[in-house]
């Protein structure tokens, strides 16, 4: 099939693009930098340089690719100054709108979009599933992200004749992610700068980027239009995984910080992540995408990732 992927040089793309090529698909991958374009070409893709916010040029690129499948893997990371969520919110709202419109101008029959599993309204017990509402009534500091995710999912699921597939990935770990041994989170853990907030009740659903890429491959041809959680089998509280990661990384035991103080110093978003978020169930993705994570537990994945 002809596949157009926006964001092919990201953490998932490093696994996904070679998988697509190996399966015999023709892949056109969009990136914003010549360096990333060269990496994509070395994987076997046809790389094009473009900006998702440039509607006319984006439409030209997508139409020229004649895709049957369009994959939205665009992400944006925070900047040291200003709102760290502003760019990712813009990508999810404006970027998704532009990419859906570009895909609608082609013969694409399926649109697959990257979403997140950890912005659902927390549940009192158990795990969230695909029917759990997004956290649209969260505090003002969290609400804009939830509304941006809602915008992405709504546009994807209402993309006209295209089948819209939303993949709510869990917390990525593995090479090229924030949990890469050389990246920001392990560095903070090794320096004792990541603490357990309150009871550390925030429940993480992790997913290795390789398994996320496999699930995306499955979604090319499987699954009816809708939302799918792509997470591992073992959601885990911060209070459990953080000390284990610290030990694997040779760092000190994590400190503990009072929730009220954490809210003052870190803000509502971080308190939500560390002490409030719910884990997610992957049963629907297993059943309807015929997918199983190869790394079923973050325990095994972290042990492999941090073994050196």
Protein backbone atom coordinates (compact mmCIF):
# COMPACT_ATOMS: atom_id res chain seq x y z
CA UNK A 1 0.00 0.00 0.00
CA UNK A 2 0.96 3.63 -0.34
CA UNK A 3 1.48 5.09 3.14
CA UNK A 4 2.03 8.73 4.07
CA UNK A 5 3.41 9.24 7.56
CA UNK A 6 3.74 12.62 9.22
CA UNK A 7 6.31 12.42 11.98
CA UNK A 8 8.25 9.47 10.61
CA UNK A 9 11.52 10.46 12.27
CA UNK A 10 10.16 10.38 15.83
CA UNK A 11 10.60 7.68 18.45
CA UNK A 12 7.94 5.38 16.95
CA UNK A 13 8.93 6.18 13.39
CA UNK A 14 12.40 4.75 13.92
CA UNK A 15 10.74 1.37 14.34
CA UNK A 16 7.62 1.89 12.24
CA UNK A 17 9.19 3.06 8.98
CA UNK A 18 11.52 0.04 8.62
CA UNK A 19 8.60 -2.27 9.48
CA UNK A 20 6.47 -0.70 6.76
CA UNK A 21 9.29 -1.00 4.21
CA UNK A 22 9.96 -4.63 5.16
CA UNK A 23 6.27 -5.43 4.61
CA UNK A 24 6.53 -4.06 1.08
CA UNK A 25 4.65 -0.79 1.54
CA UNK A 26 5.66 2.35 -0.32
CA UNK A 27 6.31 4.96 2.35
CA UNK A 28 6.42 8.71 1.97
CA UNK A 29 7.52 10.25 5.27
CA UNK A 30 7.32 13.94 6.10
CA UNK A 31 9.82 15.71 8.30
CA UNK A 32 10.94 19.28 8.92
CA UNK A 33 14.72 18.87 8.79
CA UNK A 34 17.24 17.72 6.17
CA UNK A 35 19.00 15.58 8.78
CA UNK A 36 15.82 13.67 9.58
CA UNK A 37 15.06 13.38 5.86
CA UNK A 38 18.42 11.70 5.32
CA UNK A 39 17.71 9.21 8.12
CA UNK A 40 14.31 8.38 6.64
CA UNK A 41 15.84 7.85 3.20
CA UNK A 42 18.38 5.48 4.75
CA UNK A 43 15.46 3.44 6.13
CA UNK A 44 14.02 3.06 2.64
CA UNK A 45 11.32 5.74 2.76
CA UNK A 46 10.85 8.62 0.36
CA UNK A 47 11.37 11.65 2.57
CA UNK A 48 9.68 15.00 1.99
CA UNK A 49 10.25 18.18 3.95
CA UNK A 50 7.16 19.99 5.11
CA UNK A 51 5.42 21.76 7.96
CA UNK A 52 2.02 20.59 9.16
CA UNK A 53 1.05 24.23 9.75
CA UNK A 54 1.61 25.16 6.10
CA UNK A 55 -1.75 23.99 4.77
CA UNK A 56 -1.19 24.48 1.05
CA UNK A 57 2.24 22.85 0.93
CA UNK A 58 1.09 20.03 3.19
CA UNK A 59 -1.83 19.33 0.88
CA UNK A 60 0.51 19.21 -2.12
CA UNK A 61 2.79 16.72 -0.38
CA UNK A 62 -0.04 14.41 0.71
CA UNK A 63 -1.86 14.51 -2.63
CA UNK A 64 1.38 13.79 -4.51
CA UNK A 65 1.99 10.72 -2.34
CA UNK A 66 -1.39 9.22 -3.37
CA UNK A 67 -1.72 7.46 -0.01
CA UNK A 68 -4.15 4.74 0.89
CA UNK A 69 -3.18 5.15 4.55
CA UNK A 70 -2.24 8.39 6.31
CA UNK A 71 -0.52 8.10 9.69
CA UNK A 72 -0.34 11.06 12.08
CA UNK A 73 2.65 10.56 14.40
CA UNK A 74 3.48 14.21 14.93
CA UNK A 75 4.54 15.27 18.38
CA UNK A 76 6.07 18.41 19.86
CA UNK A 77 8.19 18.81 22.94
CA UNK A 78 8.11 21.69 25.37
CA UNK A 79 10.48 24.63 25.30
CA UNK A 80 12.47 25.89 28.29
CA UNK A 81 10.65 29.22 28.13
CA UNK A 82 6.93 29.73 27.81
CA UNK A 83 4.15 27.17 28.09
CA UNK A 84 5.71 23.69 27.65
CA UNK A 85 2.40 22.32 26.36
CA UNK A 86 1.66 25.07 23.84
CA UNK A 87 3.33 23.46 20.84
CA UNK A 88 1.93 19.97 21.40
CA UNK A 89 -1.55 21.49 21.83
CA UNK A 90 -1.15 23.36 18.55
CA UNK A 91 -0.03 20.18 16.76
CA UNK A 92 -3.02 18.26 18.07
CA UNK A 93 -5.54 20.93 17.10
CA UNK A 94 -4.28 22.86 14.07
CA UNK A 95 -1.92 20.18 12.81
CA UNK A 96 -4.54 17.43 12.95
CA UNK A 97 -7.08 19.62 11.17
CA UNK A 98 -4.64 20.36 8.35
CA UNK A 99 -3.54 16.75 7.98
CA UNK A 100 -7.09 15.38 7.96
CA UNK A 101 -8.09 17.91 5.32
CA UNK A 102 -5.07 17.00 3.20
CA UNK A 103 -5.88 13.29 3.51
CA UNK A 104 -9.50 13.90 2.54
CA UNK A 105 -8.28 15.39 -0.75
CA UNK A 106 -6.75 12.02 -1.69
CA UNK A 107 -7.99 8.46 -2.05
CA UNK A 108 -6.88 7.61 1.48
CA UNK A 109 -9.23 5.13 3.10
CA UNK A 110 -7.76 5.06 6.62
CA UNK A 111 -6.40 7.78 8.90
CA UNK A 112 -4.42 6.63 11.96
CA UNK A 113 -3.62 9.20 14.66
CA UNK A 114 -1.39 9.19 17.71
CA UNK A 115 -3.20 10.03 20.94
CA UNK A 116 -2.46 9.39 24.62
CA UNK A 117 -4.06 7.07 27.15
CA UNK A 118 -3.18 9.13 30.22
CA UNK A 119 -5.47 12.13 29.85
CA UNK A 120 -8.71 10.30 30.67
CA UNK A 121 -10.79 11.23 33.68
CA UNK A 122 -9.33 9.23 36.61
CA UNK A 123 -11.45 6.30 37.79
CA UNK A 124 -12.00 5.34 41.41
CA UNK A 125 -10.93 1.75 40.88
CA UNK A 126 -9.55 -0.40 38.11
CA UNK A 127 -8.31 1.02 34.82
CA UNK A 128 -9.66 3.32 32.15
CA UNK A 129 -10.83 1.92 28.82
CA UNK A 130 -11.74 3.40 25.46
CA UNK A 131 -15.16 4.48 26.74
CA UNK A 132 -13.72 6.45 29.66
CA UNK A 133 -14.23 10.16 28.95
CA UNK A 134 -11.28 12.44 28.48
CA UNK A 135 -10.51 14.69 31.46
CA UNK A 136 -12.33 17.69 30.01
CA UNK A 137 -13.37 18.98 33.43
CA UNK A 138 -9.86 18.87 34.88
CA UNK A 139 -8.27 21.86 36.58
CA UNK A 140 -7.46 24.84 34.32
CA UNK A 141 -3.78 23.83 34.00
CA UNK A 142 -4.67 20.35 32.69
CA UNK A 143 -7.83 21.12 30.75
CA UNK A 144 -6.21 22.62 27.59
CA UNK A 145 -4.31 19.39 26.90
CA UNK A 146 -7.44 17.29 27.38
CA UNK A 147 -9.39 19.53 25.01
CA UNK A 148 -6.59 19.35 22.42
CA UNK A 149 -6.62 15.56 22.58
CA UNK A 150 -10.40 15.63 22.25
CA UNK A 151 -10.05 17.80 19.15
CA UNK A 152 -7.55 15.37 17.60
CA UNK A 153 -9.73 12.36 18.33
CA UNK A 154 -12.96 14.00 17.15
CA UNK A 155 -11.44 15.07 13.82
CA UNK A 156 -9.93 11.63 13.29
CA UNK A 157 -13.14 9.76 14.06
CA UNK A 158 -15.23 12.09 11.90
CA UNK A 159 -12.97 12.20 8.85
CA UNK A 160 -15.68 11.59 6.26
CA UNK A 161 -15.21 8.50 4.12
CA UNK A 162 -11.89 7.62 5.75
CA UNK A 163 -11.82 5.09 8.56
CA UNK A 164 -10.49 6.95 11.58
CA UNK A 165 -8.31 4.99 14.02
CA UNK A 166 -7.14 6.64 17.25
CA UNK A 167 -4.27 4.91 19.03
CA UNK A 168 -4.03 6.04 22.64
CA UNK A 169 -0.46 5.12 23.41
CA UNK A 170 0.79 4.82 26.96
CA UNK A 171 3.98 6.36 28.32
CA UNK A 172 6.68 5.62 25.75
CA UNK A 173 9.99 4.18 26.86
CA UNK A 174 12.90 2.81 24.89
CA UNK A 175 15.54 4.34 22.61
CA UNK A 176 14.85 7.90 21.58
CA UNK A 177 12.26 8.56 24.30
CA UNK A 178 12.38 10.58 27.51
CA UNK A 179 13.17 7.29 29.27
CA UNK A 180 16.23 6.58 27.13
CA UNK A 181 19.15 6.11 29.57
CA UNK A 182 20.73 9.36 28.34
CA UNK A 183 17.49 11.35 28.38
CA UNK A 184 15.93 13.74 30.87
CA UNK A 185 13.95 11.39 33.12
CA UNK A 186 16.76 8.89 33.88
CA UNK A 187 19.16 11.81 34.43
CA UNK A 188 16.74 13.32 36.94
CA UNK A 189 16.29 9.95 38.68
CA UNK A 190 20.06 9.40 38.96
CA UNK A 191 20.48 12.86 40.47
CA UNK A 192 17.67 12.29 42.97
CA UNK A 193 15.53 15.03 41.41
CA UNK A 194 12.39 12.96 40.79
CA UNK A 195 10.30 12.45 43.91
CA UNK A 196 7.26 10.47 44.96
CA UNK A 197 4.45 13.00 45.25
CA UNK A 198 1.94 12.34 48.01
CA UNK A 199 1.13 8.63 47.99
CA UNK A 200 2.65 8.23 44.52
CA UNK A 201 -0.74 6.91 43.40
CA UNK A 202 -0.43 8.09 39.80
CA UNK A 203 -0.75 4.89 37.77
CA UNK A 204 1.36 4.64 34.62
CA UNK A 205 0.59 2.47 31.63
CA UNK A 206 3.92 2.16 29.87
CA UNK A 207 4.57 0.90 26.34
CA UNK A 208 7.86 0.15 24.61
CA UNK A 209 8.10 2.15 21.38
CA UNK A 210 8.76 -1.05 19.44
CA UNK A 211 5.45 -2.50 20.64
CA UNK A 212 3.71 0.78 19.85
CA UNK A 213 5.05 0.54 16.29
CA UNK A 214 3.80 -3.06 15.95
CA UNK A 215 0.32 -2.00 17.09
CA UNK A 216 0.38 0.78 14.50
CA UNK A 217 1.29 -1.76 11.82
CA UNK A 218 -1.66 -3.90 12.88
CA UNK A 219 -3.97 -0.88 12.62
CA UNK A 220 -3.20 -0.52 8.91
CA UNK A 221 -5.58 -3.32 8.09
CA UNK A 222 -7.26 -4.38 11.34
CA UNK A 223 -9.79 -2.83 13.65
CA UNK A 224 -13.01 -1.00 12.97
CA UNK A 225 -12.98 2.81 13.23
CA UNK A 226 -12.58 3.86 16.83
CA UNK A 227 -10.22 4.29 19.76
CA UNK A 228 -7.66 1.74 20.99
CA UNK A 229 -5.43 1.83 24.07
CA UNK A 230 -1.90 0.72 23.19
CA UNK A 231 -0.29 -0.02 26.56
CA UNK A 232 1.47 -2.93 28.24
CA UNK A 233 -0.19 -5.49 30.51
CA UNK A 234 0.91 -4.11 33.87
CA UNK A 235 -0.15 -0.59 34.88
CA UNK A 236 1.93 0.52 37.86
CA UNK A 237 1.90 3.27 40.46
CA UNK A 238 4.70 5.82 40.62
CA UNK A 239 5.47 4.69 44.16
CA UNK A 240 6.33 1.24 42.80
CA UNK A 241 8.17 1.86 39.54
CA UNK A 242 10.27 4.89 40.52
CA UNK A 243 12.33 3.17 43.27
CA UNK A 244 12.95 0.21 40.97
CA UNK A 245 14.12 2.48 38.16
CA UNK A 246 16.34 4.39 40.58
CA UNK A 247 17.97 1.16 41.71
CA UNK A 248 18.55 -0.01 38.12
CA UNK A 249 20.10 3.34 37.27
CA UNK A 250 22.31 3.40 40.35
CA UNK A 251 20.57 6.47 41.74
CA UNK A 252 19.46 7.30 45.29
CA UNK A 253 16.13 6.21 46.70
CA UNK A 254 13.50 8.77 45.64
CA UNK A 255 12.54 11.43 48.13
CA UNK A 256 8.94 12.05 49.05
CA UNK A 257 7.18 15.37 48.73
CA UNK A 258 3.90 16.52 50.21
CA UNK A 259 1.15 16.93 47.60
CA UNK A 260 0.39 20.50 48.63
CA UNK A 261 4.04 21.52 48.32
CA UNK A 262 4.33 19.67 45.01
CA UNK A 263 1.33 21.57 43.67
CA UNK A 264 3.03 24.85 44.58
CA UNK A 265 6.42 23.89 43.15
CA UNK A 266 5.52 21.62 40.22
CA UNK A 267 1.97 22.59 39.32
CA UNK A 268 -1.29 20.74 38.82
CA UNK A 269 -0.17 18.83 35.73
CA UNK A 270 2.74 17.13 37.46
CA UNK A 271 0.67 16.36 40.57
CA UNK A 272 -1.92 14.77 38.26
CA UNK A 273 0.75 12.63 36.57
CA UNK A 274 2.52 11.63 39.78
CA UNK A 275 -0.42 11.11 42.10
CA UNK A 276 -3.77 11.05 40.26
CA UNK A 277 -3.73 9.52 36.77
CA UNK A 278 -5.28 6.10 36.18
CA UNK A 279 -3.74 3.24 34.23
CA UNK A 280 -5.37 1.93 31.06
CA UNK A 281 -6.63 -1.44 29.83
CA UNK A 282 -5.32 -2.87 26.54
CA UNK A 283 -7.99 -5.57 26.13
CA UNK A 284 -9.69 -3.95 23.14
CA UNK A 285 -6.45 -3.58 21.17
CA UNK A 286 -5.54 -7.18 21.89
CA UNK A 287 -8.92 -8.40 20.78
CA UNK A 288 -9.62 -6.24 17.74
CA UNK A 289 -6.13 -5.48 16.41
CA UNK A 290 -4.82 -9.00 17.04
CA UNK A 291 -1.93 -7.41 18.93
CA UNK A 292 0.09 -8.43 21.96
CA UNK A 293 2.95 -6.42 23.47
CA UNK A 294 6.22 -8.32 23.20
CA UNK A 295 7.36 -6.56 26.38
CA UNK A 296 4.38 -7.27 28.57
CA UNK A 297 5.70 -5.51 31.65
CA UNK A 298 7.64 -2.32 32.22
CA UNK A 299 9.70 -4.35 34.74
CA UNK A 300 11.26 -6.41 31.99
CA UNK A 301 11.54 -3.44 29.66
CA UNK A 302 13.26 -1.23 32.21
CA UNK A 303 15.62 -4.03 33.23
CA UNK A 304 16.70 -4.44 29.61
CA UNK A 305 16.89 -0.71 28.92
CA UNK A 306 18.94 0.12 32.00
CA UNK A 307 21.03 -3.05 32.20
CA UNK A 308 24.18 -1.27 31.03
